[in-house]
Amino acid sequence: MASTKEFTDYVVGQIEIADDITAKKMFGEYTLYAGVKIFALVCDNKLFIKPTEAGRAYIRDVVEAPPYPGAKLCFLIEDKLDDREWLSTLVRITVQELPEPKPKKKKKK
């Protein structure tokens, strides 16, 4: 089942951090960005946050699941989606711990 734009927009609207939060649709699902960093996926109308040590310590009782078959495990966030402050803090500490994306190589002509 593909994720809906409405659900994704709701999740993005719940997150209040300094970076711009954007969602890009890919294959019926969504990738969430904070600036240029990918920090989460929305698959089947569920939020999956990239795992970090700081995120694990903040959540404490972590539920992990793959966002799609064959994917690495991510933190599945279901019960706290309506808690704007909690979710924003999780995203903030996750984004801080994630490395900067590697620069894209220029294509040879």
Protein backbone atom coordinates (compact mmCIF):
# COMPACT_ATOMS: atom_id res chain seq x y z
CA MET A 1 0.00 0.00 0.00
CA ALA A 2 1.40 3.40 -0.94
CA SER A 3 1.57 6.21 1.58
CA THR A 4 -0.80 9.12 1.27
CA LYS A 5 0.27 12.72 0.80
CA GLU A 6 -2.09 13.70 3.64
CA PHE A 7 -0.37 11.41 6.16
CA THR A 8 3.08 12.56 5.02
CA ASP A 9 2.06 16.22 5.22
CA TYR A 10 0.76 15.63 8.75
CA VAL A 11 4.08 14.08 9.85
CA VAL A 12 6.10 16.89 8.26
CA GLY A 13 3.82 19.46 9.94
CA GLN A 14 4.46 17.87 13.34
CA ILE A 15 8.23 18.40 13.11
CA GLU A 16 9.58 21.74 14.30
CA ILE A 17 13.34 22.06 13.86
CA ALA A 18 15.64 24.69 12.39
CA ASP A 19 16.25 22.81 9.12
CA ASP A 20 13.68 22.80 6.37
CA ILE A 21 11.76 19.53 6.41
CA THR A 22 10.75 18.29 2.98
CA ALA A 23 9.22 15.12 1.60
CA LYS A 24 10.01 13.64 -1.79
CA LYS A 25 7.80 10.97 -3.30
CA MET A 26 9.59 7.85 -4.49
CA PHE A 27 7.87 4.70 -5.73
CA GLY A 28 4.61 5.51 -3.92
CA GLU A 29 6.37 6.19 -0.62
CA TYR A 30 8.14 9.27 0.78
CA THR A 31 11.67 10.16 1.84
CA LEU A 32 11.95 12.88 4.50
CA TYR A 33 14.82 15.36 4.46
CA ALA A 34 16.12 17.88 6.98
CA GLY A 35 18.04 20.22 4.70
CA VAL A 36 20.10 17.78 2.61
CA LYS A 37 20.09 14.88 5.12
CA ILE A 38 17.70 11.96 4.73
CA PHE A 39 16.43 11.15 8.22
CA ALA A 40 13.24 9.12 7.69
CA LEU A 41 10.95 7.24 5.35
CA VAL A 42 7.18 7.14 5.25
CA CYS A 43 6.06 3.73 4.00
CA ASP A 44 2.54 2.32 4.20
CA ASN A 45 1.54 5.42 6.19
CA LYS A 46 4.07 4.60 8.92
CA LEU A 47 7.05 6.70 10.01
CA PHE A 48 10.47 5.06 10.01
CA ILE A 49 13.36 7.10 11.48
CA LYS A 50 16.98 6.26 10.67
CA PRO A 51 18.57 4.60 13.70
CA THR A 52 21.18 6.50 15.72
CA GLU A 53 22.62 5.96 19.19
CA ALA A 54 21.19 9.29 20.39
CA GLY A 55 17.77 8.38 19.00
CA ARG A 56 17.88 4.97 20.67
CA ALA A 57 18.75 6.57 24.04
CA TYR A 58 15.96 9.15 23.64
CA ILE A 59 13.26 6.63 22.68
CA ARG A 60 14.40 4.03 25.26
CA ASP A 61 11.87 1.30 24.37
CA VAL A 62 12.67 1.14 20.65
CA VAL A 63 10.50 -0.69 18.13
CA GLU A 64 12.51 -1.54 15.03
CA ALA A 65 11.15 -2.69 11.69
CA PRO A 66 12.17 -2.52 8.04
CA PRO A 67 10.26 0.12 6.07
CA TYR A 68 10.02 -2.29 3.12
CA PRO A 69 11.12 -5.89 2.46
CA GLY A 70 14.90 -6.20 2.39
CA ALA A 71 15.55 -2.80 4.01
CA LYS A 72 17.69 -2.19 7.09
CA LEU A 73 15.84 -1.84 10.38
CA CYS A 74 14.66 1.64 11.34
CA PHE A 75 12.90 3.05 14.38
CA LEU A 76 9.15 2.61 13.83
CA ILE A 77 7.31 5.57 15.34
CA GLU A 78 3.58 5.03 15.82
CA ASP A 79 2.39 6.05 19.29
CA LYS A 80 4.14 9.43 19.47
CA LEU A 81 3.16 10.95 16.11
CA ASP A 82 0.74 13.36 17.79
CA ASP A 83 3.37 14.54 20.30
CA ARG A 84 4.93 17.40 18.33
CA GLU A 85 7.56 18.25 20.95
CA TRP A 86 8.71 14.63 21.39
CA LEU A 87 8.85 13.98 17.64
CA SER A 88 10.69 17.24 16.94
CA THR A 89 13.29 16.41 19.58
CA LEU A 90 13.80 12.93 18.13
CA VAL A 91 14.28 14.33 14.64
CA ARG A 92 16.63 17.06 15.89
CA ILE A 93 18.96 14.65 17.73
CA THR A 94 18.81 12.15 14.86
CA VAL A 95 19.75 14.75 12.24
CA GLN A 96 22.61 16.03 14.43
CA GLU A 97 24.12 12.54 14.60
CA LEU A 98 23.71 11.65 10.92
CA PRO A 99 26.73 12.32 8.71
CA GLU A 100 26.65 14.90 5.94
CA PRO A 101 25.77 13.31 2.60
CA LYS A 102 28.71 12.54 0.35
CA PRO A 103 29.11 14.95 -2.56
CA LYS A 104 27.78 13.60 -5.83
CA LYS A 105 30.39 12.81 -8.44
CA LYS A 106 30.14 14.69 -11.71
CA LYS A 107 29.22 12.58 -14.71
CA LYS A 108 31.91 12.12 -17.32
CA LYS A 109 31.06 13.34 -20.79
